[in-house]
N, C-alpha and C. Protein backbone atom coordinates (compact mmCIF):
# COMPACT_ATOMS: atom_id res chain seq x y z
N MET A 1 45.38 17.33 1.64
CA MET A 1 44.74 17.23 0.34
C MET A 1 44.41 15.77 0.02
N ARG A 2 45.34 14.88 0.32
CA ARG A 2 45.14 13.46 0.05
C ARG A 2 44.00 12.91 0.90
N ARG A 3 43.89 13.38 2.11
CA ARG A 3 42.84 12.92 3.01
C ARG A 3 41.46 13.32 2.48
N ILE A 4 41.34 14.52 1.96
CA ILE A 4 40.07 15.00 1.40
C ILE A 4 39.68 14.14 0.19
N SER A 5 40.65 13.78 -0.63
CA SER A 5 40.37 12.93 -1.79
C SER A 5 39.82 11.58 -1.34
N TYR A 6 40.38 11.00 -0.29
CA TYR A 6 39.89 9.72 0.23
C TYR A 6 38.46 9.85 0.75
N ILE A 7 38.19 10.92 1.47
CA ILE A 7 36.85 11.13 2.01
C ILE A 7 35.84 11.29 0.88
N ILE A 8 36.17 12.05 -0.13
CA ILE A 8 35.28 12.23 -1.27
C ILE A 8 35.05 10.91 -1.99
N ALA A 9 36.12 10.13 -2.16
CA ALA A 9 35.99 8.83 -2.82
C ALA A 9 35.09 7.90 -2.02
N ILE A 10 35.25 7.86 -0.72
CA ILE A 10 34.43 6.99 0.14
C ILE A 10 32.97 7.43 0.10
N LEU A 11 32.72 8.72 0.21
CA LEU A 11 31.35 9.23 0.14
C LEU A 11 30.71 8.91 -1.20
N SER A 12 31.47 9.05 -2.28
CA SER A 12 30.94 8.74 -3.61
C SER A 12 30.56 7.26 -3.70
N ILE A 13 31.40 6.39 -3.17
CA ILE A 13 31.12 4.95 -3.20
C ILE A 13 29.87 4.65 -2.38
N LEU A 14 29.72 5.25 -1.22
CA LEU A 14 28.55 5.02 -0.38
C LEU A 14 27.27 5.49 -1.08
N ILE A 15 27.31 6.64 -1.70
CA ILE A 15 26.13 7.17 -2.39
C ILE A 15 25.74 6.27 -3.56
N VAL A 16 26.70 5.88 -4.36
CA VAL A 16 26.42 5.01 -5.51
C VAL A 16 25.88 3.66 -5.02
N THR A 17 26.46 3.12 -3.97
CA THR A 17 25.99 1.85 -3.42
C THR A 17 24.56 1.97 -2.91
N TYR A 18 24.25 3.03 -2.19
CA TYR A 18 22.91 3.24 -1.66
C TYR A 18 21.88 3.28 -2.78
N TYR A 19 22.12 4.11 -3.79
CA TYR A 19 21.17 4.24 -4.89
C TYR A 19 21.10 2.96 -5.72
N GLY A 20 22.22 2.29 -5.88
CA GLY A 20 22.22 1.03 -6.61
C GLY A 20 21.39 -0.03 -5.90
N LEU A 21 21.54 -0.14 -4.58
CA LEU A 21 20.75 -1.11 -3.82
C LEU A 21 19.27 -0.76 -3.85
N ASN A 22 18.95 0.51 -3.76
CA ASN A 22 17.56 0.94 -3.82
C ASN A 22 16.94 0.60 -5.17
N MET A 23 17.66 0.85 -6.25
CA MET A 23 17.15 0.52 -7.58
C MET A 23 17.01 -1.00 -7.73
N TYR A 24 17.97 -1.76 -7.21
CA TYR A 24 17.91 -3.22 -7.28
C TYR A 24 16.70 -3.74 -6.51
N GLN A 25 16.45 -3.19 -5.32
CA GLN A 25 15.30 -3.62 -4.51
C GLN A 25 14.00 -3.31 -5.23
N ASN A 26 13.90 -2.14 -5.85
CA ASN A 26 12.69 -1.79 -6.61
C ASN A 26 12.50 -2.72 -7.80
N SER A 27 13.58 -3.10 -8.46
CA SER A 27 13.44 -4.01 -9.60
C SER A 27 13.01 -5.39 -9.14
N LEU A 28 13.46 -5.83 -7.96
CA LEU A 28 13.02 -7.11 -7.43
C LEU A 28 11.54 -7.07 -7.09
N SER A 29 11.08 -5.97 -6.50
CA SER A 29 9.67 -5.83 -6.16
C SER A 29 8.82 -5.89 -7.41
N SER A 30 9.24 -5.21 -8.46
CA SER A 30 8.48 -5.20 -9.70
C SER A 30 8.52 -6.56 -10.37
N ALA A 31 9.67 -7.21 -10.36
CA ALA A 31 9.81 -8.49 -11.04
C ALA A 31 9.03 -9.58 -10.33
N SER A 32 9.02 -9.58 -9.01
CA SER A 32 8.34 -10.64 -8.27
C SER A 32 6.83 -10.43 -8.28
N GLY A 33 6.38 -9.19 -8.35
CA GLY A 33 4.94 -8.95 -8.33
C GLY A 33 4.34 -9.03 -9.71
N GLY A 34 5.01 -8.49 -10.70
CA GLY A 34 4.47 -8.48 -12.05
C GLY A 34 3.18 -7.71 -12.12
N SER A 35 2.54 -7.79 -13.25
CA SER A 35 1.31 -7.02 -13.43
C SER A 35 0.16 -7.65 -12.70
N GLY A 36 0.25 -8.94 -12.35
CA GLY A 36 -0.85 -9.59 -11.65
C GLY A 36 -0.97 -9.19 -10.21
N SER A 37 0.06 -8.61 -9.62
CA SER A 37 0.01 -8.28 -8.20
C SER A 37 -0.58 -6.91 -7.96
N GLY A 38 -0.75 -6.13 -9.02
CA GLY A 38 -1.28 -4.79 -8.85
C GLY A 38 -0.22 -3.79 -8.47
N GLN A 39 1.06 -4.14 -8.57
CA GLN A 39 2.11 -3.22 -8.20
C GLN A 39 2.38 -2.26 -9.35
N THR A 40 2.42 -1.00 -9.02
CA THR A 40 2.72 0.02 -10.02
C THR A 40 3.55 1.09 -9.38
N GLY A 41 4.21 1.88 -10.16
CA GLY A 41 4.89 3.05 -9.63
C GLY A 41 4.00 4.26 -9.84
N GLY A 42 3.95 5.14 -8.87
CA GLY A 42 3.17 6.35 -9.03
C GLY A 42 1.82 6.26 -8.36
N SER A 43 1.21 7.43 -8.19
CA SER A 43 -0.07 7.51 -7.51
C SER A 43 -0.74 8.80 -7.87
N SER A 44 -2.04 8.84 -7.68
CA SER A 44 -2.76 10.07 -8.00
C SER A 44 -3.02 10.93 -6.77
N GLY A 45 -2.48 10.56 -5.61
CA GLY A 45 -2.65 11.40 -4.43
C GLY A 45 -3.20 10.64 -3.25
N TYR A 46 -3.59 11.36 -2.24
CA TYR A 46 -4.05 10.74 -1.00
C TYR A 46 -5.55 10.52 -1.01
N GLY A 47 -5.95 9.49 -0.24
CA GLY A 47 -7.35 9.32 0.10
C GLY A 47 -8.21 8.75 -0.98
N TYR A 48 -9.46 9.13 -0.95
CA TYR A 48 -10.48 8.64 -1.85
C TYR A 48 -10.15 9.08 -3.26
N THR A 49 -10.10 8.15 -4.20
CA THR A 49 -9.58 8.49 -5.53
C THR A 49 -10.62 8.52 -6.62
N GLY A 50 -11.87 8.39 -6.31
CA GLY A 50 -12.84 8.44 -7.41
C GLY A 50 -14.25 8.40 -6.91
N GLN A 51 -15.16 8.64 -7.81
CA GLN A 51 -16.57 8.59 -7.48
C GLN A 51 -17.02 7.14 -7.48
N PRO A 52 -17.98 6.80 -6.61
CA PRO A 52 -18.50 5.43 -6.64
C PRO A 52 -19.13 5.14 -7.99
N SER A 53 -18.99 3.89 -8.41
CA SER A 53 -19.62 3.48 -9.65
C SER A 53 -20.24 2.12 -9.44
N GLY A 54 -21.23 1.79 -10.23
CA GLY A 54 -21.87 0.48 -10.11
C GLY A 54 -20.91 -0.61 -10.46
N GLY A 55 -20.93 -1.69 -9.70
CA GLY A 55 -20.06 -2.82 -9.98
C GLY A 55 -20.83 -3.92 -10.66
N SER A 56 -20.13 -4.86 -11.20
CA SER A 56 -20.75 -6.02 -11.83
C SER A 56 -20.00 -7.25 -11.42
N SER A 57 -20.71 -8.31 -11.16
CA SER A 57 -20.08 -9.55 -10.74
C SER A 57 -19.60 -10.37 -11.92
N GLY A 58 -19.82 -9.89 -13.14
CA GLY A 58 -19.38 -10.61 -14.31
C GLY A 58 -20.49 -11.46 -14.91
N ASN A 59 -21.59 -11.67 -14.19
CA ASN A 59 -22.69 -12.48 -14.71
C ASN A 59 -23.91 -11.62 -15.02
N GLY A 60 -23.70 -10.31 -15.15
CA GLY A 60 -24.79 -9.43 -15.50
C GLY A 60 -25.53 -8.85 -14.31
N GLN A 61 -25.24 -9.33 -13.11
CA GLN A 61 -25.93 -8.84 -11.92
C GLN A 61 -25.10 -7.73 -11.28
N THR A 62 -25.75 -6.66 -10.88
CA THR A 62 -25.06 -5.59 -10.17
C THR A 62 -24.78 -6.06 -8.76
N SER A 63 -23.51 -5.92 -8.34
CA SER A 63 -23.15 -6.45 -7.04
C SER A 63 -23.00 -5.38 -5.97
N GLY A 64 -22.52 -4.21 -6.30
CA GLY A 64 -22.36 -3.18 -5.29
C GLY A 64 -21.63 -1.98 -5.87
N THR A 65 -21.53 -0.97 -5.06
CA THR A 65 -20.83 0.24 -5.45
C THR A 65 -19.34 0.01 -5.26
N VAL A 66 -18.55 0.44 -6.23
CA VAL A 66 -17.09 0.33 -6.12
C VAL A 66 -16.59 1.55 -5.36
N LYS A 67 -15.89 1.32 -4.27
CA LYS A 67 -15.27 2.39 -3.50
C LYS A 67 -13.76 2.24 -3.62
N GLU A 68 -13.11 3.25 -4.18
CA GLU A 68 -11.68 3.21 -4.40
C GLU A 68 -10.96 4.16 -3.46
N PHE A 69 -9.88 3.67 -2.88
CA PHE A 69 -9.07 4.46 -1.96
C PHE A 69 -7.60 4.30 -2.34
N THR A 70 -6.84 5.36 -2.14
CA THR A 70 -5.38 5.27 -2.17
C THR A 70 -4.92 5.53 -0.75
N VAL A 71 -4.22 4.57 -0.17
CA VAL A 71 -3.73 4.67 1.20
C VAL A 71 -2.21 4.72 1.15
N HIS A 72 -1.63 5.69 1.82
CA HIS A 72 -0.18 5.82 1.90
C HIS A 72 0.31 5.31 3.25
N GLY A 73 1.37 4.53 3.23
CA GLY A 73 2.00 4.06 4.46
C GLY A 73 3.32 4.77 4.65
N TYR A 74 3.58 5.14 5.89
CA TYR A 74 4.82 5.81 6.25
C TYR A 74 5.19 5.35 7.65
N ALA A 75 6.42 5.60 8.07
CA ALA A 75 6.88 5.18 9.39
C ALA A 75 6.26 6.10 10.44
N TYR A 76 5.33 5.74 11.21
CA TYR A 76 4.60 4.50 11.34
C TYR A 76 3.13 4.80 11.40
N GLY A 77 2.53 4.95 10.23
CA GLY A 77 1.11 5.24 10.15
C GLY A 77 0.59 5.10 8.74
N TYR A 78 -0.70 5.41 8.59
CA TYR A 78 -1.37 5.38 7.29
C TYR A 78 -2.08 6.70 7.07
N TYR A 79 -2.19 7.11 5.80
CA TYR A 79 -3.01 8.26 5.46
C TYR A 79 -3.82 7.91 4.23
N PRO A 80 -5.13 7.92 4.30
CA PRO A 80 -5.93 8.12 5.50
C PRO A 80 -5.89 6.87 6.38
N SER A 81 -6.19 7.05 7.65
CA SER A 81 -6.15 5.92 8.58
C SER A 81 -7.53 5.34 8.85
N THR A 82 -8.57 5.97 8.33
CA THR A 82 -9.93 5.44 8.46
C THR A 82 -10.58 5.41 7.08
N LEU A 83 -11.13 4.25 6.74
CA LEU A 83 -11.85 4.07 5.48
C LEU A 83 -13.26 3.66 5.83
N GLU A 84 -14.25 4.22 5.16
CA GLU A 84 -15.64 3.89 5.46
C GLU A 84 -16.38 3.50 4.18
N VAL A 85 -17.05 2.36 4.24
CA VAL A 85 -17.81 1.84 3.11
C VAL A 85 -19.12 1.27 3.63
N ASN A 86 -19.98 0.85 2.71
CA ASN A 86 -21.23 0.19 3.07
C ASN A 86 -21.12 -1.30 2.80
N LYS A 87 -21.86 -2.07 3.58
CA LYS A 87 -21.90 -3.51 3.36
C LYS A 87 -22.36 -3.77 1.93
N GLY A 88 -21.67 -4.66 1.23
CA GLY A 88 -21.98 -4.97 -0.15
C GLY A 88 -21.14 -4.21 -1.16
N ASP A 89 -20.45 -3.15 -0.70
CA ASP A 89 -19.59 -2.39 -1.61
C ASP A 89 -18.39 -3.23 -2.04
N ILE A 90 -17.92 -2.97 -3.23
CA ILE A 90 -16.66 -3.54 -3.69
C ILE A 90 -15.59 -2.53 -3.31
N VAL A 91 -14.63 -2.96 -2.51
CA VAL A 91 -13.60 -2.07 -1.98
C VAL A 91 -12.31 -2.32 -2.75
N LYS A 92 -11.76 -1.25 -3.32
CA LYS A 92 -10.50 -1.33 -4.03
C LYS A 92 -9.53 -0.38 -3.34
N ILE A 93 -8.46 -0.95 -2.77
CA ILE A 93 -7.47 -0.15 -2.05
C ILE A 93 -6.14 -0.26 -2.77
N THR A 94 -5.62 0.88 -3.18
CA THR A 94 -4.27 0.94 -3.72
C THR A 94 -3.39 1.47 -2.60
N PHE A 95 -2.45 0.64 -2.18
CA PHE A 95 -1.56 1.00 -1.07
C PHE A 95 -0.20 1.37 -1.63
N MET A 96 0.35 2.48 -1.12
CA MET A 96 1.67 2.93 -1.55
C MET A 96 2.54 3.25 -0.33
N SER A 97 3.77 2.77 -0.36
CA SER A 97 4.72 3.11 0.70
C SER A 97 5.39 4.43 0.36
N ASP A 98 5.48 5.29 1.35
CA ASP A 98 6.14 6.58 1.16
C ASP A 98 7.58 6.59 1.67
N ASP A 99 8.04 5.46 2.24
CA ASP A 99 9.42 5.44 2.70
C ASP A 99 10.01 4.03 2.67
N ILE A 100 9.87 3.28 3.73
CA ILE A 100 10.49 1.96 3.84
C ILE A 100 9.48 0.87 3.51
N LEU A 101 9.86 -0.38 3.71
CA LEU A 101 8.96 -1.50 3.41
C LEU A 101 7.74 -1.48 4.32
N HIS A 102 6.55 -1.55 3.69
CA HIS A 102 5.27 -1.60 4.41
C HIS A 102 4.28 -2.44 3.62
N ASN A 103 3.17 -2.77 4.28
CA ASN A 103 2.04 -3.41 3.63
C ASN A 103 0.78 -3.03 4.39
N LEU A 104 -0.35 -3.60 3.99
CA LEU A 104 -1.62 -3.32 4.64
C LEU A 104 -2.41 -4.62 4.70
N TYR A 105 -2.70 -5.08 5.92
CA TYR A 105 -3.46 -6.30 6.16
C TYR A 105 -4.75 -5.93 6.89
N ILE A 106 -5.90 -6.47 6.44
CA ILE A 106 -7.19 -6.15 7.07
C ILE A 106 -7.69 -7.37 7.82
N GLU A 107 -7.73 -7.26 9.16
CA GLU A 107 -8.26 -8.32 10.01
C GLU A 107 -9.74 -8.53 9.71
N GLY A 108 -10.20 -9.75 9.83
CA GLY A 108 -11.61 -10.04 9.60
C GLY A 108 -11.93 -10.32 8.14
N TYR A 109 -11.16 -9.75 7.25
CA TYR A 109 -11.31 -10.03 5.82
C TYR A 109 -10.15 -10.87 5.30
N ASN A 110 -9.09 -10.94 6.07
CA ASN A 110 -7.91 -11.74 5.72
C ASN A 110 -7.40 -11.42 4.31
N VAL A 111 -7.32 -10.12 4.00
CA VAL A 111 -6.75 -9.67 2.73
C VAL A 111 -5.56 -8.77 3.04
N ALA A 112 -4.56 -8.84 2.17
CA ALA A 112 -3.35 -8.04 2.40
C ALA A 112 -2.74 -7.64 1.07
N THR A 113 -2.12 -6.48 1.07
CA THR A 113 -1.34 -6.06 -0.09
C THR A 113 0.00 -6.77 -0.03
N SER A 114 0.75 -6.65 -1.09
CA SER A 114 2.14 -7.09 -1.08
C SER A 114 2.92 -6.11 -0.21
N THR A 115 4.06 -6.55 0.30
CA THR A 115 4.97 -5.66 1.01
C THR A 115 5.76 -4.91 -0.05
N VAL A 116 5.68 -3.58 0.00
CA VAL A 116 6.28 -2.76 -1.06
C VAL A 116 7.23 -1.73 -0.46
N SER A 117 8.16 -1.27 -1.29
CA SER A 117 9.13 -0.27 -0.88
C SER A 117 8.69 1.12 -1.35
N ASN A 118 9.49 2.10 -1.05
CA ASN A 118 9.21 3.49 -1.36
C ASN A 118 8.82 3.69 -2.82
N GLY A 119 7.65 4.30 -3.03
CA GLY A 119 7.20 4.65 -4.37
C GLY A 119 6.51 3.53 -5.13
N VAL A 120 6.41 2.35 -4.53
CA VAL A 120 5.78 1.21 -5.19
C VAL A 120 4.41 1.00 -4.56
N SER A 121 3.44 0.56 -5.37
CA SER A 121 2.10 0.34 -4.84
C SER A 121 1.64 -1.08 -5.10
N SER A 122 0.64 -1.49 -4.35
CA SER A 122 0.01 -2.79 -4.49
C SER A 122 -1.49 -2.59 -4.27
N THR A 123 -2.30 -3.25 -5.08
CA THR A 123 -3.75 -3.05 -5.02
C THR A 123 -4.45 -4.33 -4.61
N ILE A 124 -5.44 -4.19 -3.72
CA ILE A 124 -6.31 -5.30 -3.35
C ILE A 124 -7.75 -4.90 -3.63
N GLN A 125 -8.58 -5.90 -3.87
CA GLN A 125 -10.00 -5.66 -4.10
C GLN A 125 -10.79 -6.79 -3.46
N PHE A 126 -11.87 -6.44 -2.79
CA PHE A 126 -12.71 -7.43 -2.13
C PHE A 126 -14.09 -6.84 -1.93
N THR A 127 -15.05 -7.70 -1.62
CA THR A 127 -16.40 -7.26 -1.33
C THR A 127 -16.57 -7.14 0.18
N ALA A 128 -17.07 -6.01 0.64
CA ALA A 128 -17.30 -5.77 2.07
C ALA A 128 -18.60 -6.48 2.46
N ASP A 129 -18.49 -7.76 2.77
CA ASP A 129 -19.68 -8.57 3.04
C ASP A 129 -19.97 -8.75 4.53
N LYS A 130 -19.18 -8.09 5.40
CA LYS A 130 -19.40 -8.16 6.85
C LYS A 130 -19.43 -6.74 7.40
N ALA A 131 -20.45 -6.43 8.19
CA ALA A 131 -20.53 -5.10 8.81
C ALA A 131 -19.67 -5.09 10.07
N GLY A 132 -19.18 -3.91 10.42
CA GLY A 132 -18.40 -3.76 11.63
C GLY A 132 -17.20 -2.86 11.42
N THR A 133 -16.36 -2.80 12.44
CA THR A 133 -15.12 -2.04 12.36
C THR A 133 -13.97 -3.03 12.39
N PHE A 134 -13.11 -2.94 11.39
CA PHE A 134 -12.03 -3.90 11.21
C PHE A 134 -10.69 -3.19 11.25
N LEU A 135 -9.78 -3.71 12.05
CA LEU A 135 -8.44 -3.16 12.17
C LEU A 135 -7.63 -3.50 10.93
N PHE A 136 -6.89 -2.52 10.41
CA PHE A 136 -5.87 -2.86 9.41
C PHE A 136 -4.53 -2.37 9.94
N TYR A 137 -3.47 -3.09 9.54
CA TYR A 137 -2.15 -2.78 10.06
C TYR A 137 -1.06 -3.33 9.14
N CYS A 138 0.16 -2.88 9.42
CA CYS A 138 1.34 -3.34 8.69
C CYS A 138 1.88 -4.58 9.39
N THR A 139 2.13 -5.65 8.62
CA THR A 139 2.62 -6.89 9.21
C THR A 139 4.14 -6.97 9.26
N VAL A 140 4.85 -5.93 8.80
CA VAL A 140 6.30 -5.92 8.94
C VAL A 140 6.61 -5.89 10.44
N PRO A 141 7.49 -6.78 10.92
CA PRO A 141 7.74 -6.87 12.36
C PRO A 141 8.01 -5.51 13.02
N GLY A 142 7.25 -5.25 14.09
CA GLY A 142 7.42 -4.04 14.88
C GLY A 142 6.57 -2.86 14.44
N HIS A 143 6.08 -2.86 13.21
CA HIS A 143 5.35 -1.70 12.70
C HIS A 143 3.97 -1.54 13.37
N LYS A 144 3.24 -2.63 13.53
CA LYS A 144 1.94 -2.55 14.20
C LYS A 144 2.12 -2.03 15.62
N ASP A 145 3.11 -2.57 16.33
CA ASP A 145 3.37 -2.14 17.71
C ASP A 145 3.80 -0.68 17.78
N ALA A 146 4.40 -0.18 16.71
CA ALA A 146 4.82 1.23 16.67
C ALA A 146 3.67 2.16 16.32
N GLY A 147 2.47 1.58 16.07
CA GLY A 147 1.29 2.42 15.83
C GLY A 147 0.83 2.46 14.39
N MET A 148 1.36 1.60 13.55
CA MET A 148 0.96 1.61 12.15
C MET A 148 -0.32 0.80 11.98
N THR A 149 -1.42 1.44 12.36
CA THR A 149 -2.75 0.81 12.32
C THR A 149 -3.77 1.80 11.77
N GLY A 150 -4.90 1.25 11.35
CA GLY A 150 -6.01 2.06 10.88
C GLY A 150 -7.28 1.24 11.04
N LYS A 151 -8.39 1.78 10.53
CA LYS A 151 -9.64 1.01 10.65
C LYS A 151 -10.46 1.15 9.39
N LEU A 152 -11.12 0.03 9.07
CA LEU A 152 -12.08 -0.04 7.99
C LEU A 152 -13.44 -0.15 8.64
N ILE A 153 -14.30 0.81 8.38
CA ILE A 153 -15.66 0.79 8.92
C ILE A 153 -16.61 0.37 7.80
N VAL A 154 -17.34 -0.72 8.05
CA VAL A 154 -18.32 -1.21 7.08
C VAL A 154 -19.70 -1.02 7.70
N ASP A 155 -20.44 -0.04 7.20
CA ASP A 155 -21.78 0.25 7.68
C ASP A 155 -22.77 -0.73 7.05
N GLY A 156 -23.73 -1.14 7.87
CA GLY A 156 -24.72 -1.96 7.21
C GLY A 156 -25.42 -2.90 8.05
C-alpha cells in the first residue's frame, strides 16, 4: 500500500511539472514576441485562409493581391507543404506549431517566422517579387534533415 502511494505521488509530481513547464514555455514565447511578432494562440484551420483581396502600399497605389495561408508544422513536415502565388502578390503566412518547437524559413526571400511551441503562431508578410520555386524549411537543428521542408511557387 505504501509503495502505491509513493508511485502515485511521483506520477502526480511529474504531471504537474510537465504542465507547469509547458505553461511557462508558452508564457515566455508570448512575452518575448509580444503583439509585434504576430504570435497568437489559435487558428482558423489548415491551408488557404481567405479570398484574395487588393493590397495597398500605403501611398494610394495598388501593389498586389494579398494571399493568406495558414501553415501547420509538425514533426517533421508542413501542411500544406506547397504554397502557390503570383509574382507581385503580397504573401501573408501564419505559421502554427502542432507539437514541438518549429519555425518556417523561406530561402531566396530570407524571411522567417519566430520559433514557436505547440499551439502558438507567428505571422510573416512579404511581397513575392521574384519568380521561381523556393524551398522553405524549419531551422531547428535536425528538422530540415528529417524532411521538414516545403516549397513556395511564385508564378510570373
